[in-house]
Amino acid sequence: MRLAFLLLLLINIALWPFASGMLALGNDGAEPLRLTSQIDPERIRIVPVGGGAAAPVVAIAPVVASEPASDAEVTPAAVCRVLAGFTREQADPFVARAREAYPAVQVTESEQPGSPSWWVHIPDLATRQLADRKQAELRALGVREMALMPDADGQKFAISLGLFKTETAAKELMSSLNGQGVRSARIAMREGKAGRLRVELRGSDTELTALLAEPQATVEGVEAADCP
């Protein structure tokens, strides 16, 4: 009886490593059994050596390329228009309206040069007697339209044969006079007297379009054009 007890004890000791999973014969499922025998495996934490707290996991946000900064809003290029032919009575209300209703528009007022003219004439003669003699010669050649023009001192006298707005018209008269035998006539360009005003406007196309539609800008005799 005692021998049998000892024999059973030895057999149990020999089989204990296999029964407890310490030794495995082939793929006997001992490893899954060990895992299932763990208590609350999800609560297991990895603690660094030294007993310190586990380092928190830091989420790294993906790097997103930033959009390039948008350019500053570009100011529209200024448009320039000019109104020419104003009288003083017409210009004053228009300029006042422009500066009051369109403060962003630059308004520049200036005197408009007079239109040139072309003068067909006999140049200055030294004395009145010489001027009278020349007029008699012109009449003899068939010239009927003429006028005696003394200078500022009344010492010299020119004979005017015509004043024209275009050089072409003046040349036509010269050709006719030459055909009549007149050889001493000349053409001279004369600057007209200033008496009109021009208003230059600089601003956005939208504002200038609205301003040029104002009643003060559409008066008779005033013409709009691009700035030279």
C-alpha atoms as a PDB file:
ATOM      1  CA  MET A   1       0.000   0.000   0.000  1.00  0.00           C
ATOM      2  CA  ARG A   2       2.752   2.402   0.871  1.00  0.00           C
ATOM      3  CA  LEU A   3       4.597   1.514  -2.297  1.00  0.00           C
ATOM      4  CA  ALA A   4       1.542   2.196  -4.412  1.00  0.00           C
ATOM      5  CA  PHE A   5       1.110   5.669  -2.874  1.00  0.00           C
ATOM      6  CA  LEU A   6       4.733   6.555  -3.619  1.00  0.00           C
ATOM      7  CA  LEU A   7       4.367   5.301  -7.175  1.00  0.00           C
ATOM      8  CA  LEU A   8       1.275   7.483  -7.793  1.00  0.00           C
ATOM      9  CA  LEU A   9       3.032  10.506  -6.273  1.00  0.00           C
ATOM     10  CA  LEU A  10       5.994  10.089  -8.619  1.00  0.00           C
ATOM     11  CA  ILE A  11       3.662   9.749 -11.633  1.00  0.00           C
ATOM     12  CA  ASN A  12       1.829  12.959 -10.660  1.00  0.00           C
ATOM     13  CA  ILE A  13       5.094  14.848 -10.229  1.00  0.00           C
ATOM     14  CA  ALA A  14       6.260  13.655 -13.663  1.00  0.00           C
ATOM     15  CA  LEU A  15       3.029  14.707 -15.386  1.00  0.00           C
ATOM     16  CA  TRP A  16       2.693  18.092 -13.647  1.00  0.00           C
ATOM     17  CA  PRO A  17       4.767  20.161 -16.212  1.00  0.00           C
ATOM     18  CA  PHE A  18       2.582  18.891 -19.054  1.00  0.00           C
ATOM     19  CA  ALA A  19      -0.680  19.414 -17.193  1.00  0.00           C
ATOM     20  CA  SER A  20       0.262  22.947 -16.127  1.00  0.00           C
ATOM     21  CA  GLY A  21       1.359  23.977 -19.664  1.00  0.00           C
ATOM     22  CA  MET A  22       4.963  24.468 -18.723  1.00  0.00           C
ATOM     23  CA  LEU A  23       5.889  21.929 -21.386  1.00  0.00           C
ATOM     24  CA  ALA A  24       4.037  21.486 -24.668  1.00  0.00           C
ATOM     25  CA  LEU A  25       3.992  18.583 -26.990  1.00  0.00           C
ATOM     26  CA  GLY A  26       3.407  19.976 -30.507  1.00  0.00           C
ATOM     27  CA  ASN A  27       0.497  22.355 -31.073  1.00  0.00           C
ATOM     28  CA  ASP A  28      -1.610  21.286 -28.125  1.00  0.00           C
ATOM     29  CA  GLY A  29      -3.308  24.641 -27.473  1.00  0.00           C
ATOM     30  CA  ALA A  30      -1.439  25.289 -24.227  1.00  0.00           C
ATOM     31  CA  GLU A  31      -0.519  28.903 -25.173  1.00  0.00           C
ATOM     32  CA  PRO A  32      -4.147  29.989 -25.838  1.00  0.00           C
ATOM     33  CA  LEU A  33      -5.089  28.324 -22.583  1.00  0.00           C
ATOM     34  CA  ARG A  34      -2.473  30.387 -20.760  1.00  0.00           C
ATOM     35  CA  LEU A  35      -3.795  33.605 -22.326  1.00  0.00           C
ATOM     36  CA  THR A  36      -7.378  32.831 -21.378  1.00  0.00           C
ATOM     37  CA  SER A  37      -6.329  32.169 -17.837  1.00  0.00           C
ATOM     38  CA  GLN A  38      -5.054  35.734 -17.417  1.00  0.00           C
ATOM     39  CA  ILE A  39      -7.170  38.062 -15.288  1.00  0.00           C
ATOM     40  CA  ASP A  40      -8.234  41.378 -16.998  1.00  0.00           C
ATOM     41  CA  PRO A  41      -5.485  41.383 -19.682  1.00  0.00           C
ATOM     42  CA  GLU A  42      -6.782  44.697 -21.071  1.00  0.00           C
ATOM     43  CA  ARG A  43      -5.675  46.451 -17.864  1.00  0.00           C
ATOM     44  CA  ILE A  44      -2.041  45.447 -18.285  1.00  0.00           C
ATOM     45  CA  ARG A  45       0.253  48.532 -18.629  1.00  0.00           C
ATOM     46  CA  ILE A  46       3.904  48.639 -19.625  1.00  0.00           C
ATOM     47  CA  VAL A  47       5.838  50.453 -16.899  1.00  0.00           C
ATOM     48  CA  PRO A  48       9.310  51.801 -17.813  1.00  0.00           C
ATOM     49  CA  VAL A  49      12.340  50.635 -15.832  1.00  0.00           C
ATOM     50  CA  GLY A  50      12.656  52.621 -12.616  1.00  0.00           C
ATOM     51  CA  GLY A  51       8.982  52.571 -11.765  1.00  0.00           C
ATOM     52  CA  GLY A  52       8.122  55.889 -13.410  1.00  0.00           C
ATOM     53  CA  ALA A  53       4.762  56.545 -14.964  1.00  0.00           C
ATOM     54  CA  ALA A  54       4.206  55.376 -18.468  1.00  0.00           C
ATOM     55  CA  ALA A  55       4.825  58.088 -21.018  1.00  0.00           C
ATOM     56  CA  PRO A  56       1.595  59.243 -22.622  1.00  0.00           C
ATOM     57  CA  VAL A  57       1.115  58.579 -26.267  1.00  0.00           C
ATOM     58  CA  VAL A  58       1.276  61.838 -28.211  1.00  0.00           C
ATOM     59  CA  ALA A  59      -0.786  61.997 -31.364  1.00  0.00           C
ATOM     60  CA  ILE A  60       1.093  63.642 -34.205  1.00  0.00           C
ATOM     61  CA  ALA A  61      -1.160  65.722 -36.335  1.00  0.00           C
ATOM     62  CA  PRO A  62      -0.542  65.438 -40.061  1.00  0.00           C
ATOM     63  CA  VAL A  63       1.378  68.320 -41.539  1.00  0.00           C
ATOM     64  CA  VAL A  64      -0.810  70.245 -43.937  1.00  0.00           C
ATOM     65  CA  ALA A  65       0.860  72.628 -46.326  1.00  0.00           C
ATOM     66  CA  SER A  66      -0.396  76.077 -45.589  1.00  0.00           C
ATOM     67  CA  GLU A  67      -1.987  78.038 -48.372  1.00  0.00           C
ATOM     68  CA  PRO A  68       0.190  80.884 -49.618  1.00  0.00           C
ATOM     69  CA  ALA A  69      -0.898  84.212 -48.278  1.00  0.00           C
ATOM     70  CA  SER A  70      -3.154  85.883 -50.747  1.00  0.00           C
ATOM     71  CA  ASP A  71      -1.799  89.008 -52.311  1.00  0.00           C
ATOM     72  CA  ALA A  72      -3.141  92.287 -51.031  1.00  0.00           C
ATOM     73  CA  GLU A  73      -6.057  93.544 -53.036  1.00  0.00           C
ATOM     74  CA  VAL A  74      -4.715  95.344 -56.063  1.00  0.00           C
ATOM     75  CA  THR A  75      -6.051  98.835 -56.550  1.00  0.00           C
ATOM     76  CA  PRO A  76      -7.506  99.174 -60.039  1.00  0.00           C
ATOM     77  CA  ALA A  77      -5.424 101.244 -62.360  1.00  0.00           C
ATOM     78  CA  ALA A  78      -6.603 104.832 -62.641  1.00  0.00           C
ATOM     79  CA  VAL A  79      -8.340 105.880 -65.840  1.00  0.00           C
ATOM     80  CA  CYS A  80      -7.805 109.380 -67.210  1.00  0.00           C
ATOM     81  CA  ARG A  81     -10.396 111.340 -69.175  1.00  0.00           C
ATOM     82  CA  VAL A  82     -10.523 114.970 -70.175  1.00  0.00           C
ATOM     83  CA  LEU A  83     -13.491 117.230 -70.910  1.00  0.00           C
ATOM     84  CA  ALA A  84     -12.665 120.184 -73.126  1.00  0.00           C
ATOM     85  CA  GLY A  85     -14.667 123.212 -74.225  1.00  0.00           C
ATOM     86  CA  PHE A  86     -16.177 124.395 -70.935  1.00  0.00           C
ATOM     87  CA  THR A  87     -17.033 128.015 -70.392  1.00  0.00           C
ATOM     88  CA  ARG A  88     -16.450 129.285 -66.862  1.00  0.00           C
ATOM     89  CA  GLU A  89     -20.189 129.152 -66.204  1.00  0.00           C
ATOM     90  CA  GLN A  90     -20.293 125.505 -67.297  1.00  0.00           C
ATOM     91  CA  ALA A  91     -17.095 124.362 -65.582  1.00  0.00           C
ATOM     92  CA  ASP A  92     -17.850 125.620 -62.065  1.00  0.00           C
ATOM     93  CA  PRO A  93     -20.992 123.494 -61.408  1.00  0.00           C
ATOM     94  CA  PHE A  94     -19.405 120.433 -62.977  1.00  0.00           C
ATOM     95  CA  VAL A  95     -16.220 120.658 -60.877  1.00  0.00           C
ATOM     96  CA  ALA A  96     -18.290 121.248 -57.719  1.00  0.00           C
ATOM     97  CA  ARG A  97     -20.459 118.213 -58.473  1.00  0.00           C
ATOM     98  CA  ALA A  98     -17.426 116.002 -59.175  1.00  0.00           C
ATOM     99  CA  ARG A  99     -15.668 116.910 -55.928  1.00  0.00           C
ATOM    100  CA  GLU A 100     -18.810 116.514 -53.837  1.00  0.00           C
ATOM    101  CA  ALA A 101     -20.191 113.249 -55.236  1.00  0.00           C
ATOM    102  CA  TYR A 102     -16.932 111.554 -56.299  1.00  0.00           C
ATOM    103  CA  PRO A 103     -14.263 112.431 -53.718  1.00  0.00           C
ATOM    104  CA  ALA A 104     -11.954 109.614 -54.882  1.00  0.00           C
ATOM    105  CA  VAL A 105     -11.697 111.142 -58.372  1.00  0.00           C
ATOM    106  CA  GLN A 106      -8.840 113.572 -58.928  1.00  0.00           C
ATOM    107  CA  VAL A 107     -10.110 116.710 -60.671  1.00  0.00           C
ATOM    108  CA  THR A 108      -7.696 119.121 -62.378  1.00  0.00           C
ATOM    109  CA  GLU A 109      -8.942 122.282 -64.025  1.00  0.00           C
ATOM    110  CA  SER A 110      -6.871 124.294 -66.510  1.00  0.00           C
ATOM    111  CA  GLU A 111      -7.256 126.890 -69.212  1.00  0.00           C
ATOM    112  CA  GLN A 112      -7.610 125.436 -72.670  1.00  0.00           C
ATOM    113  CA  PRO A 113      -5.315 126.857 -75.345  1.00  0.00           C
ATOM    114  CA  GLY A 114      -7.120 128.712 -78.102  1.00  0.00           C
ATOM    115  CA  SER A 115      -7.480 127.074 -81.490  1.00  0.00           C
ATOM    116  CA  PRO A 116      -4.837 128.194 -83.997  1.00  0.00           C
ATOM    117  CA  SER A 117      -5.682 130.016 -87.212  1.00  0.00           C
ATOM    118  CA  TRP A 118      -3.826 130.615 -90.476  1.00  0.00           C
ATOM    119  CA  TRP A 119      -3.433 134.165 -91.725  1.00  0.00           C
ATOM    120  CA  VAL A 120      -2.879 135.033 -95.373  1.00  0.00           C
ATOM    121  CA  HIS A 121      -1.367 138.520 -95.609  1.00  0.00           C
ATOM    122  CA  ILE A 122       1.133 140.906 -97.125  1.00  0.00           C
ATOM    123  CA  PRO A 123       3.872 141.430 -94.497  1.00  0.00           C
ATOM    124  CA  ASP A 124       4.474 144.820 -92.804  1.00  0.00           C
ATOM    125  CA  LEU A 125       5.139 147.773 -95.085  1.00  0.00           C
ATOM    126  CA  ALA A 126       7.291 150.588 -93.733  1.00  0.00           C
ATOM    127  CA  THR A 127       4.870 153.484 -94.340  1.00  0.00           C
ATOM    128  CA  ARG A 128       1.211 154.170 -94.942  1.00  0.00           C
ATOM    129  CA  GLN A 129       1.981 155.399 -98.461  1.00  0.00           C
ATOM    130  CA  LEU A 130       3.630 152.067 -99.362  1.00  0.00           C
ATOM    131  CA  ALA A 131       0.657 150.191 -97.929  1.00  0.00           C
ATOM    132  CA  ASP A 132      -1.816 152.249 -99.969  1.00  0.00           C
ATOM    133  CA  ARG A 133       0.225 151.672-103.128  1.00  0.00           C
ATOM    134  CA  LYS A 134       0.270 147.892-102.508  1.00  0.00           C
ATOM    135  CA  GLN A 135      -3.489 147.816-102.049  1.00  0.00           C
ATOM    136  CA  ALA A 136      -3.926 149.587-105.379  1.00  0.00           C
ATOM    137  CA  GLU A 137      -1.740 146.945-107.051  1.00  0.00           C
ATOM    138  CA  LEU A 138      -3.801 144.128-105.523  1.00  0.00           C
ATOM    139  CA  ARG A 139      -7.045 145.645-106.772  1.00  0.00           C
ATOM    140  CA  ALA A 140      -5.563 145.910-110.227  1.00  0.00           C
ATOM    141  CA  LEU A 141      -4.838 142.151-110.096  1.00  0.00           C
ATOM    142  CA  GLY A 142      -8.444 141.404-109.193  1.00  0.00           C
ATOM    143  CA  VAL A 143      -8.124 141.040-105.386  1.00  0.00           C
ATOM    144  CA  ARG A 144     -11.192 142.489-103.721  1.00  0.00           C
ATOM    145  CA  GLU A 145     -11.068 141.301-100.097  1.00  0.00           C
ATOM    146  CA  MET A 146      -8.313 142.915 -98.042  1.00  0.00           C
ATOM    147  CA  ALA A 147      -7.833 145.001 -94.911  1.00  0.00           C
ATOM    148  CA  LEU A 148      -5.080 147.330 -93.726  1.00  0.00           C
ATOM    149  CA  MET A 149      -3.642 146.207 -90.348  1.00  0.00           C
ATOM    150  CA  PRO A 150      -1.400 148.744 -88.548  1.00  0.00           C
ATOM    151  CA  ASP A 151       0.984 147.435 -85.902  1.00  0.00           C
ATOM    152  CA  ALA A 152       0.784 148.446 -82.238  1.00  0.00           C
ATOM    153  CA  ASP A 153       2.742 151.653 -82.826  1.00  0.00           C
ATOM    154  CA  GLY A 154       0.991 152.509 -86.069  1.00  0.00           C
ATOM    155  CA  GLN A 155       4.365 152.752 -87.802  1.00  0.00           C
ATOM    156  CA  LYS A 156       4.079 149.662 -90.024  1.00  0.00           C
ATOM    157  CA  PHE A 157       1.163 148.299 -91.987  1.00  0.00           C
ATOM    158  CA  ALA A 158       0.290 144.777 -93.050  1.00  0.00           C
ATOM    159  CA  ILE A 159      -2.447 143.899 -95.514  1.00  0.00           C
ATOM    160  CA  SER A 160      -4.720 141.058 -94.414  1.00  0.00           C
ATOM    161  CA  LEU A 161      -6.129 138.889 -97.183  1.00  0.00           C
ATOM    162  CA  GLY A 162      -7.915 136.242 -95.090  1.00  0.00           C
ATOM    163  CA  LEU A 163      -7.964 134.358 -91.773  1.00  0.00           C
ATOM    164  CA  PHE A 164      -8.774 130.624 -91.799  1.00  0.00           C
ATOM    165  CA  LYS A 165      -9.331 127.869 -89.257  1.00  0.00           C
ATOM    166  CA  THR A 166      -7.417 125.319 -91.315  1.00  0.00           C
ATOM    167  CA  GLU A 167      -4.114 125.463 -93.117  1.00  0.00           C
ATOM    168  CA  THR A 168      -5.694 123.782 -96.121  1.00  0.00           C
ATOM    169  CA  ALA A 169      -8.115 126.652 -96.648  1.00  0.00           C
ATOM    170  CA  ALA A 170      -5.282 129.164 -96.343  1.00  0.00           C
ATOM    171  CA  LYS A 171      -3.248 127.319 -98.966  1.00  0.00           C
ATOM    172  CA  GLU A 172      -6.216 127.285-101.318  1.00  0.00           C
ATOM    173  CA  LEU A 173      -6.396 131.092-101.138  1.00  0.00           C
ATOM    174  CA  MET A 174      -2.638 131.328-101.685  1.00  0.00           C
ATOM    175  CA  SER A 175      -2.962 129.201-104.802  1.00  0.00           C
ATOM    176  CA  SER A 176      -5.723 131.469-106.107  1.00  0.00           C
ATOM    177  CA  LEU A 177      -3.676 134.606-105.387  1.00  0.00           C
ATOM    178  CA  ASN A 178      -0.659 133.175-107.151  1.00  0.00           C
ATOM    179  CA  GLY A 179      -2.870 132.509-110.156  1.00  0.00           C
ATOM    180  CA  GLN A 180      -3.829 136.202-110.119  1.00  0.00           C
ATOM    181  CA  GLY A 181      -0.198 137.261-110.096  1.00  0.00           C
ATOM    182  CA  VAL A 182       0.197 138.050-106.366  1.00  0.00           C
ATOM    183  CA  ARG A 183       3.712 137.012-105.277  1.00  0.00           C
ATOM    184  CA  SER A 184       4.260 138.826-101.956  1.00  0.00           C
ATOM    185  CA  ALA A 185       1.510 137.129 -99.901  1.00  0.00           C
ATOM    186  CA  ARG A 186       2.514 134.845 -97.005  1.00  0.00           C
ATOM    187  CA  ILE A 187       0.828 132.404 -94.598  1.00  0.00           C
ATOM    188  CA  ALA A 188       1.393 132.747 -90.837  1.00  0.00           C
ATOM    189  CA  MET A 189      -0.093 130.577 -88.089  1.00  0.00           C
ATOM    190  CA  ARG A 190      -1.604 132.535 -85.230  1.00  0.00           C
ATOM    191  CA  GLU A 191      -2.468 131.162 -81.793  1.00  0.00           C
ATOM    192  CA  GLY A 192      -6.073 131.796 -80.874  1.00  0.00           C
ATOM    193  CA  LYS A 193      -7.029 133.524 -77.658  1.00  0.00           C
ATOM    194  CA  ALA A 194      -7.770 131.223 -74.765  1.00  0.00           C
ATOM    195  CA  GLY A 195     -11.271 131.403 -73.426  1.00  0.00           C
ATOM    196  CA  ARG A 196     -12.329 127.829 -72.760  1.00  0.00           C
ATOM    197  CA  LEU A 197     -11.514 125.457 -69.933  1.00  0.00           C
ATOM    198  CA  ARG A 198     -10.560 121.783 -69.785  1.00  0.00           C
ATOM    199  CA  VAL A 199     -11.142 119.463 -66.823  1.00  0.00           C
ATOM    200  CA  GLU A 200      -8.953 116.378 -66.372  1.00  0.00           C
ATOM    201  CA  LEU A 201     -10.378 113.458 -64.376  1.00  0.00           C
ATOM    202  CA  ARG A 202      -8.448 110.519 -62.890  1.00  0.00           C
ATOM    203  CA  GLY A 203     -10.126 107.631 -61.079  1.00  0.00           C
ATOM    204  CA  SER A 204     -11.647 104.192 -61.483  1.00  0.00           C
ATOM    205  CA  ASP A 205     -13.426 103.388 -64.717  1.00  0.00           C
ATOM    206  CA  THR A 206     -16.703 102.842 -62.857  1.00  0.00           C
ATOM    207  CA  GLU A 207     -16.655 106.245 -61.165  1.00  0.00           C
ATOM    208  CA  LEU A 208     -15.607 108.129 -64.294  1.00  0.00           C
ATOM    209  CA  THR A 209     -18.342 106.480 -66.333  1.00  0.00           C
ATOM    210  CA  ALA A 210     -20.924 107.596 -63.772  1.00  0.00           C
ATOM    211  CA  LEU A 211     -19.445 111.100 -63.531  1.00  0.00           C
ATOM    212  CA  LEU A 212     -19.404 111.624 -67.295  1.00  0.00           C
ATOM    213  CA  ALA A 213     -23.110 110.743 -67.365  1.00  0.00           C
ATOM    214  CA  GLU A 214     -23.956 113.610 -65.000  1.00  0.00           C
ATOM    215  CA  PRO A 215     -25.994 116.438 -66.588  1.00  0.00           C
ATOM    216  CA  GLN A 216     -23.193 118.941 -65.870  1.00  0.00           C
ATOM    217  CA  ALA A 217     -20.829 116.891 -68.078  1.00  0.00           C
ATOM    218  CA  THR A 218     -23.123 116.638 -71.091  1.00  0.00           C
ATOM    219  CA  VAL A 219     -23.563 120.324 -71.876  1.00  0.00           C
ATOM    220  CA  GLU A 220     -23.382 121.544 -75.447  1.00  0.00           C
ATOM    221  CA  GLY A 221     -19.912 122.244 -76.789  1.00  0.00           C
ATOM    222  CA  VAL A 222     -18.078 120.033 -74.289  1.00  0.00           C
ATOM    223  CA  GLU A 223     -16.261 117.000 -75.675  1.00  0.00           C
ATOM    224  CA  ALA A 224     -14.849 114.022 -73.742  1.00  0.00           C
ATOM    225  CA  ALA A 225     -11.661 112.235 -74.782  1.00  0.00           C
ATOM    226  CA  ASP A 226      -8.846 110.124 -73.337  1.00  0.00           C
ATOM    227  CA  CYS A 227      -6.012 112.065 -71.767  1.00  0.00           C
ATOM    228  CA  PRO A 228      -3.151 112.693 -74.203  1.00  0.00           C
END
